[in-house]
Amino acid sequence: MEKFTYSVDRQLTFEYSESEMTETKSTKAPERFIRLLKKKMQEHPGRMSLSQVARNADLSPAYLSLLLNGERGVPSNDAISQLEQVLDIAKGELFKAAGRPDDQALEFFRKDEAGSIMRTLAPLPNSQLSAIRKLIEQFVQKQNRAKSK
């Protein structure tokens, strides 16, 4: 049986045969991620070339070019971390733009209490989450100070 593929704006692909039709989403990295990456590359004080950024982040220049042109999906967590480091991007900023949790967040999600903490916080509006984050940061700092004494 012959299969046919029809792509709509490289965002949505339909694959079908005579008996079935399925929909698959493109793996293109989010526009927000691509824009942020391009912006940080242009603004970096070292004004590195695409090849230099790729080499320093342990990526191939071809892959980075395809990524920046929306022809590749979100890179691995290691690659995102490397790009953040190479381009002096605040830790977690590229992950947020990619819509993906970083390794620290994944480590937290694996903890036993993480689910109940997330369910407790879920009903809160976004406007209150920054205040909650500040309270948690203060709590963690206090705990760290107590440990170091």
N, C-alpha and C. Protein backbone atom coordinates (compact mmCIF):
# COMPACT_ATOMS: atom_id res chain seq x y z
N MET A 1 0.84 -1.17 0.00
CA MET A 1 0.00 0.00 0.00
C MET A 1 0.89 1.24 0.00
N GLU A 2 0.61 2.19 -0.86
CA GLU A 2 1.40 3.40 -1.00
C GLU A 2 1.00 4.44 0.05
N LYS A 3 2.01 5.11 0.64
CA LYS A 3 1.75 6.17 1.60
C LYS A 3 2.03 7.52 0.97
N PHE A 4 1.23 8.52 1.33
CA PHE A 4 1.40 9.87 0.84
C PHE A 4 1.61 10.80 2.03
N THR A 5 2.41 11.83 1.83
CA THR A 5 2.65 12.81 2.89
C THR A 5 2.30 14.19 2.37
N TYR A 6 1.57 14.95 3.16
CA TYR A 6 1.22 16.32 2.82
C TYR A 6 1.59 17.21 3.99
N SER A 7 2.42 18.21 3.74
CA SER A 7 2.88 19.09 4.80
C SER A 7 2.26 20.47 4.64
N VAL A 8 1.81 21.03 5.77
CA VAL A 8 1.21 22.36 5.79
C VAL A 8 2.16 23.28 6.56
N ASP A 9 2.78 24.23 5.89
CA ASP A 9 3.66 25.22 6.53
C ASP A 9 4.72 24.60 7.43
N ARG A 10 5.19 23.42 7.15
CA ARG A 10 6.20 22.71 7.93
C ARG A 10 5.84 22.60 9.41
N GLN A 11 4.60 22.94 9.77
CA GLN A 11 4.14 22.84 11.14
C GLN A 11 3.32 21.57 11.35
N LEU A 12 2.60 21.19 10.36
CA LEU A 12 1.66 20.09 10.48
C LEU A 12 1.81 19.18 9.27
N THR A 13 1.94 17.90 9.51
CA THR A 13 2.11 16.95 8.42
C THR A 13 1.02 15.90 8.52
N PHE A 14 0.42 15.58 7.39
CA PHE A 14 -0.56 14.52 7.32
C PHE A 14 0.04 13.39 6.51
N GLU A 15 0.01 12.20 7.07
CA GLU A 15 0.44 11.02 6.34
C GLU A 15 -0.78 10.14 6.16
N TYR A 16 -0.96 9.65 4.95
CA TYR A 16 -2.13 8.82 4.74
C TYR A 16 -1.87 7.77 3.68
N SER A 17 -2.61 6.69 3.81
CA SER A 17 -2.63 5.64 2.80
C SER A 17 -4.09 5.47 2.42
N GLU A 18 -4.38 4.50 1.63
CA GLU A 18 -5.77 4.30 1.21
C GLU A 18 -6.69 3.99 2.40
N SER A 19 -6.13 3.38 3.45
CA SER A 19 -7.00 2.94 4.55
C SER A 19 -6.92 3.79 5.81
N GLU A 20 -5.91 4.62 5.95
CA GLU A 20 -5.78 5.39 7.19
C GLU A 20 -5.13 6.75 6.93
N MET A 21 -5.38 7.66 7.88
CA MET A 21 -4.76 8.97 7.81
C MET A 21 -4.36 9.37 9.23
N THR A 22 -3.11 9.77 9.41
CA THR A 22 -2.65 10.20 10.73
C THR A 22 -2.07 11.60 10.63
N GLU A 23 -2.09 12.28 11.76
CA GLU A 23 -1.55 13.64 11.83
C GLU A 23 -0.33 13.61 12.74
N THR A 24 0.76 14.21 12.28
CA THR A 24 1.94 14.32 13.12
C THR A 24 2.39 15.78 13.16
N LYS A 25 2.84 16.21 14.31
CA LYS A 25 3.33 17.58 14.47
C LYS A 25 4.80 17.64 14.08
N SER A 26 5.19 18.76 13.51
CA SER A 26 6.57 19.01 13.18
C SER A 26 7.39 19.11 14.45
N THR A 27 8.67 18.79 14.35
CA THR A 27 9.54 18.90 15.51
C THR A 27 10.30 20.23 15.51
N LYS A 28 9.83 21.19 14.77
CA LYS A 28 10.48 22.50 14.70
C LYS A 28 10.55 23.11 16.09
N ALA A 29 11.70 23.69 16.40
CA ALA A 29 11.87 24.39 17.69
C ALA A 29 10.91 25.58 17.73
N PRO A 30 10.42 25.92 18.92
CA PRO A 30 9.49 27.06 19.03
C PRO A 30 10.14 28.37 18.54
N GLU A 31 9.33 29.21 17.92
CA GLU A 31 9.81 30.50 17.42
C GLU A 31 10.46 31.32 18.52
N ARG A 32 9.89 31.29 19.70
CA ARG A 32 10.43 32.04 20.83
C ARG A 32 11.87 31.62 21.13
N PHE A 33 12.13 30.32 21.08
CA PHE A 33 13.47 29.78 21.30
C PHE A 33 14.42 30.26 20.21
N ILE A 34 13.99 30.15 18.96
CA ILE A 34 14.83 30.55 17.83
C ILE A 34 15.14 32.05 17.89
N ARG A 35 14.11 32.87 18.16
CA ARG A 35 14.34 34.33 18.25
C ARG A 35 15.32 34.68 19.36
N LEU A 36 15.16 34.05 20.53
CA LEU A 36 16.05 34.33 21.64
C LEU A 36 17.48 33.93 21.31
N LEU A 37 17.64 32.78 20.72
CA LEU A 37 18.98 32.30 20.36
C LEU A 37 19.64 33.24 19.35
N LYS A 38 18.90 33.65 18.32
CA LYS A 38 19.44 34.60 17.34
C LYS A 38 19.81 35.92 17.99
N LYS A 39 18.93 36.42 18.86
CA LYS A 39 19.16 37.70 19.52
C LYS A 39 20.43 37.64 20.37
N LYS A 40 20.58 36.58 21.15
CA LYS A 40 21.74 36.45 22.02
C LYS A 40 23.03 36.28 21.21
N MET A 41 22.94 35.62 20.07
CA MET A 41 24.13 35.49 19.22
C MET A 41 24.54 36.86 18.67
N GLN A 42 23.56 37.67 18.27
CA GLN A 42 23.87 39.00 17.72
C GLN A 42 24.38 39.95 18.80
N GLU A 43 23.86 39.83 20.01
CA GLU A 43 24.22 40.75 21.09
C GLU A 43 25.46 40.33 21.87
N HIS A 44 25.95 39.13 21.65
CA HIS A 44 27.08 38.64 22.44
C HIS A 44 28.29 39.54 22.22
N PRO A 45 28.95 39.94 23.31
CA PRO A 45 30.08 40.86 23.18
C PRO A 45 31.22 40.32 22.31
N GLY A 46 31.37 39.01 22.25
CA GLY A 46 32.42 38.41 21.44
C GLY A 46 32.12 38.37 19.96
N ARG A 47 30.87 38.67 19.60
CA ARG A 47 30.41 38.65 18.19
C ARG A 47 30.95 37.42 17.45
N MET A 48 30.71 36.26 18.04
CA MET A 48 31.18 35.02 17.43
C MET A 48 30.36 34.68 16.18
N SER A 49 31.01 34.02 15.26
CA SER A 49 30.31 33.54 14.07
C SER A 49 29.47 32.33 14.44
N LEU A 50 28.57 31.96 13.56
CA LEU A 50 27.75 30.77 13.77
C LEU A 50 28.65 29.56 13.99
N SER A 51 29.70 29.44 13.21
CA SER A 51 30.63 28.30 13.35
C SER A 51 31.31 28.30 14.71
N GLN A 52 31.71 29.47 15.20
CA GLN A 52 32.35 29.56 16.50
C GLN A 52 31.39 29.17 17.62
N VAL A 53 30.16 29.68 17.55
CA VAL A 53 29.16 29.33 18.56
C VAL A 53 28.93 27.83 18.54
N ALA A 54 28.76 27.27 17.36
CA ALA A 54 28.52 25.84 17.23
C ALA A 54 29.67 25.03 17.82
N ARG A 55 30.90 25.37 17.43
CA ARG A 55 32.06 24.64 17.95
C ARG A 55 32.14 24.73 19.47
N ASN A 56 31.97 25.95 20.00
CA ASN A 56 32.07 26.13 21.46
C ASN A 56 30.96 25.42 22.22
N ALA A 57 29.82 25.22 21.57
CA ALA A 57 28.70 24.52 22.20
C ALA A 57 28.69 23.03 21.86
N ASP A 58 29.74 22.57 21.18
CA ASP A 58 29.87 21.17 20.78
C ASP A 58 28.73 20.71 19.87
N LEU A 59 28.36 21.60 18.94
CA LEU A 59 27.36 21.30 17.91
C LEU A 59 28.01 21.46 16.55
N SER A 60 27.43 20.86 15.55
CA SER A 60 27.95 21.10 14.20
C SER A 60 27.37 22.42 13.69
N PRO A 61 28.16 23.16 12.90
CA PRO A 61 27.63 24.40 12.33
C PRO A 61 26.38 24.16 11.47
N ALA A 62 26.35 23.04 10.77
CA ALA A 62 25.18 22.72 9.93
C ALA A 62 23.93 22.55 10.79
N TYR A 63 24.07 21.85 11.92
CA TYR A 63 22.93 21.65 12.80
C TYR A 63 22.44 22.98 13.36
N LEU A 64 23.36 23.83 13.83
CA LEU A 64 22.98 25.12 14.39
C LEU A 64 22.29 25.99 13.34
N SER A 65 22.79 25.94 12.12
CA SER A 65 22.16 26.69 11.03
C SER A 65 20.73 26.20 10.78
N LEU A 66 20.56 24.89 10.72
CA LEU A 66 19.22 24.33 10.51
C LEU A 66 18.29 24.68 11.67
N LEU A 67 18.82 24.64 12.89
CA LEU A 67 18.04 25.00 14.08
C LEU A 67 17.57 26.45 13.98
N LEU A 68 18.48 27.36 13.65
CA LEU A 68 18.16 28.78 13.55
C LEU A 68 17.19 29.08 12.41
N ASN A 69 17.16 28.21 11.41
CA ASN A 69 16.24 28.38 10.28
C ASN A 69 14.94 27.61 10.46
N GLY A 70 14.72 27.08 11.67
CA GLY A 70 13.47 26.39 11.97
C GLY A 70 13.33 25.03 11.33
N GLU A 71 14.45 24.42 11.01
CA GLU A 71 14.40 23.11 10.35
C GLU A 71 14.81 21.96 11.26
N ARG A 72 14.98 22.25 12.53
CA ARG A 72 15.30 21.21 13.52
C ARG A 72 14.49 21.47 14.78
N GLY A 73 14.30 20.41 15.54
CA GLY A 73 13.57 20.53 16.80
C GLY A 73 14.45 21.08 17.89
N VAL A 74 13.90 21.15 19.09
CA VAL A 74 14.64 21.63 20.25
C VAL A 74 15.80 20.68 20.51
N PRO A 75 16.99 21.23 20.71
CA PRO A 75 18.14 20.36 20.98
C PRO A 75 18.05 19.69 22.34
N SER A 76 18.99 18.83 22.61
CA SER A 76 19.04 18.13 23.90
C SER A 76 19.28 19.12 25.03
N ASN A 77 18.99 18.69 26.25
CA ASN A 77 19.25 19.54 27.41
C ASN A 77 20.72 19.92 27.51
N ASP A 78 21.61 18.97 27.18
CA ASP A 78 23.04 19.28 27.22
C ASP A 78 23.39 20.39 26.23
N ALA A 79 22.84 20.30 25.03
CA ALA A 79 23.13 21.32 24.01
C ALA A 79 22.57 22.68 24.42
N ILE A 80 21.37 22.69 25.00
CA ILE A 80 20.79 23.97 25.45
C ILE A 80 21.66 24.56 26.55
N SER A 81 22.11 23.75 27.49
CA SER A 81 22.99 24.23 28.57
C SER A 81 24.28 24.79 28.00
N GLN A 82 24.85 24.09 27.01
CA GLN A 82 26.08 24.56 26.37
C GLN A 82 25.85 25.90 25.68
N LEU A 83 24.74 26.05 24.98
CA LEU A 83 24.44 27.31 24.30
C LEU A 83 24.27 28.44 25.32
N GLU A 84 23.59 28.15 26.43
CA GLU A 84 23.45 29.16 27.48
C GLU A 84 24.82 29.61 27.99
N GLN A 85 25.70 28.65 28.20
CA GLN A 85 27.03 28.96 28.72
C GLN A 85 27.85 29.75 27.70
N VAL A 86 27.88 29.29 26.46
CA VAL A 86 28.68 29.93 25.41
C VAL A 86 28.21 31.36 25.16
N LEU A 87 26.90 31.58 25.19
CA LEU A 87 26.35 32.90 24.85
C LEU A 87 26.04 33.75 26.09
N ASP A 88 26.48 33.31 27.26
CA ASP A 88 26.25 34.04 28.51
C ASP A 88 24.77 34.34 28.73
N ILE A 89 23.94 33.34 28.51
CA ILE A 89 22.50 33.46 28.72
C ILE A 89 22.19 32.98 30.13
N ALA A 90 21.35 33.71 30.83
CA ALA A 90 20.98 33.32 32.20
C ALA A 90 20.51 31.87 32.23
N LYS A 91 20.97 31.16 33.24
CA LYS A 91 20.63 29.73 33.38
C LYS A 91 19.11 29.55 33.38
N GLY A 92 18.64 28.69 32.50
CA GLY A 92 17.22 28.38 32.42
C GLY A 92 16.44 29.20 31.40
N GLU A 93 17.01 30.30 30.92
CA GLU A 93 16.27 31.18 30.00
C GLU A 93 15.98 30.50 28.66
N LEU A 94 16.97 29.81 28.10
CA LEU A 94 16.73 29.10 26.84
C LEU A 94 15.78 27.92 27.03
N PHE A 95 15.88 27.26 28.18
CA PHE A 95 14.96 26.15 28.47
C PHE A 95 13.52 26.65 28.50
N LYS A 96 13.33 27.79 29.14
CA LYS A 96 11.99 28.37 29.23
C LYS A 96 11.47 28.69 27.83
N ALA A 97 12.32 29.28 27.00
CA ALA A 97 11.92 29.61 25.63
C ALA A 97 11.62 28.36 24.80
N ALA A 98 12.31 27.28 25.14
CA ALA A 98 12.10 26.01 24.42
C ALA A 98 10.88 25.27 24.94
N GLY A 99 10.34 25.71 26.07
CA GLY A 99 9.20 25.01 26.65
C GLY A 99 9.59 23.68 27.25
N ARG A 100 10.81 23.61 27.75
CA ARG A 100 11.33 22.36 28.28
C ARG A 100 11.96 22.59 29.65
N PRO A 101 11.74 21.69 30.61
CA PRO A 101 12.38 21.85 31.92
C PRO A 101 13.87 21.53 31.82
N ASP A 102 14.68 22.26 32.58
CA ASP A 102 16.11 21.96 32.60
C ASP A 102 16.36 20.77 33.53
N ASP A 103 17.61 20.36 33.64
CA ASP A 103 17.94 19.17 34.42
C ASP A 103 17.60 19.34 35.91
N GLN A 104 17.76 20.56 36.44
CA GLN A 104 17.41 20.79 37.85
C GLN A 104 15.91 20.61 38.07
N ALA A 105 15.11 21.12 37.14
CA ALA A 105 13.66 20.97 37.26
C ALA A 105 13.28 19.49 37.16
N LEU A 106 13.90 18.78 36.23
CA LEU A 106 13.61 17.35 36.09
C LEU A 106 13.98 16.59 37.36
N GLU A 107 15.09 16.98 37.97
CA GLU A 107 15.51 16.34 39.23
C GLU A 107 14.45 16.58 40.31
N PHE A 108 13.92 17.80 40.37
CA PHE A 108 12.87 18.11 41.35
C PHE A 108 11.62 17.28 41.07
N PHE A 109 11.22 17.17 39.79
CA PHE A 109 9.99 16.45 39.45
C PHE A 109 10.07 14.97 39.83
N ARG A 110 11.27 14.44 39.96
CA ARG A 110 11.44 13.03 40.32
C ARG A 110 11.29 12.79 41.82
N LYS A 111 11.27 13.85 42.62
CA LYS A 111 11.17 13.70 44.07
C LYS A 111 9.74 13.32 44.46
N ASP A 112 9.63 12.58 45.55
CA ASP A 112 8.33 12.07 45.99
C ASP A 112 7.29 13.15 46.21
N GLU A 113 7.66 14.26 46.81
CA GLU A 113 6.71 15.31 47.15
C GLU A 113 6.41 16.28 46.00
N ALA A 114 7.13 16.16 44.91
CA ALA A 114 6.99 17.12 43.81
C ALA A 114 5.55 17.19 43.28
N GLY A 115 4.93 16.06 43.11
CA GLY A 115 3.56 16.03 42.58
C GLY A 115 2.59 16.78 43.47
N SER A 116 2.65 16.54 44.76
CA SER A 116 1.72 17.22 45.66
C SER A 116 2.02 18.72 45.74
N ILE A 117 3.29 19.10 45.66
CA ILE A 117 3.65 20.52 45.65
C ILE A 117 3.08 21.19 44.39
N MET A 118 3.24 20.53 43.26
CA MET A 118 2.75 21.09 42.00
C MET A 118 1.22 21.20 42.01
N ARG A 119 0.55 20.19 42.54
CA ARG A 119 -0.92 20.24 42.61
C ARG A 119 -1.38 21.37 43.54
N THR A 120 -0.64 21.63 44.60
CA THR A 120 -0.97 22.72 45.52
C THR A 120 -0.83 24.07 44.82
N LEU A 121 0.20 24.21 44.02
CA LEU A 121 0.48 25.47 43.34
C LEU A 121 -0.36 25.67 42.07
N ALA A 122 -0.84 24.61 41.48
CA ALA A 122 -1.53 24.68 40.19
C ALA A 122 -2.70 25.66 40.14
N PRO A 123 -3.53 25.77 41.18
CA PRO A 123 -4.67 26.69 41.08
C PRO A 123 -4.29 28.18 41.15
N LEU A 124 -3.07 28.49 41.56
CA LEU A 124 -2.68 29.89 41.71
C LEU A 124 -2.55 30.57 40.35
N PRO A 125 -2.96 31.83 40.26
CA PRO A 125 -2.78 32.56 39.00
C PRO A 125 -1.30 32.89 38.79
N ASN A 126 -0.91 33.08 37.54
CA ASN A 126 0.48 33.41 37.22
C ASN A 126 0.97 34.61 37.99
N SER A 127 0.09 35.56 38.25
CA SER A 127 0.49 36.79 38.94
C SER A 127 1.02 36.53 40.35
N GLN A 128 0.67 35.40 40.96
CA GLN A 128 1.12 35.09 42.31
C GLN A 128 2.34 34.18 42.34
N LEU A 129 2.68 33.58 41.22
CA LEU A 129 3.77 32.61 41.21
C LEU A 129 5.13 33.24 41.48
N SER A 130 5.37 34.47 41.03
CA SER A 130 6.68 35.08 41.30
C SER A 130 6.85 35.33 42.80
N ALA A 131 5.79 35.69 43.49
CA ALA A 131 5.87 35.88 44.94
C ALA A 131 6.16 34.55 45.63
N ILE A 132 5.55 33.49 45.16
CA ILE A 132 5.80 32.15 45.72
C ILE A 132 7.25 31.75 45.47
N ARG A 133 7.75 32.01 44.26
CA ARG A 133 9.14 31.69 43.94
C ARG A 133 10.09 32.43 44.88
N LYS A 134 9.81 33.71 45.15
CA LYS A 134 10.66 34.49 46.06
C LYS A 134 10.64 33.91 47.47
N LEU A 135 9.47 33.51 47.93
CA LEU A 135 9.37 32.88 49.25
C LEU A 135 10.18 31.59 49.31
N ILE A 136 10.11 30.81 48.27
CA ILE A 136 10.86 29.54 48.22
C ILE A 136 12.36 29.83 48.21
N GLU A 137 12.78 30.82 47.40
CA GLU A 137 14.21 31.18 47.36
C GLU A 137 14.71 31.62 48.73
N GLN A 138 13.90 32.43 49.44
CA GLN A 138 14.28 32.87 50.79
C GLN A 138 14.39 31.68 51.74
N PHE A 139 13.44 30.76 51.63
CA PHE A 139 13.46 29.56 52.47
C PHE A 139 14.72 28.74 52.21
N VAL A 140 15.06 28.55 50.93
CA VAL A 140 16.24 27.76 50.57
C VAL A 140 17.52 28.44 51.06
N GLN A 141 17.60 29.77 50.91
CA GLN A 141 18.78 30.50 51.40
C GLN A 141 18.92 30.34 52.91
N LYS A 142 17.80 30.43 53.62
CA LYS A 142 17.83 30.27 55.08
C LYS A 142 18.31 28.88 55.45
N GLN A 143 17.82 27.87 54.74
CA GLN A 143 18.23 26.48 54.99
C GLN A 143 19.72 26.31 54.71
N ASN A 144 20.21 26.91 53.63
CA ASN A 144 21.64 26.80 53.28
C ASN A 144 22.52 27.49 54.32
N ARG A 145 22.06 28.64 54.83
CA ARG A 145 22.82 29.34 55.88
C ARG A 145 22.87 28.49 57.15
N ALA A 146 21.76 27.87 57.49
CA ALA A 146 21.69 27.03 58.69
C ALA A 146 22.62 25.82 58.56
N LYS A 147 22.73 25.26 57.35
CA LYS A 147 23.60 24.11 57.12
C LYS A 147 25.06 24.49 57.26
N SER A 148 25.41 25.69 56.82
CA SER A 148 26.83 26.09 56.82
C SER A 148 27.33 26.51 58.19
N LYS A 149 26.45 26.62 59.15
CA LYS A 149 26.86 27.02 60.51
C LYS A 149 27.33 25.85 61.31
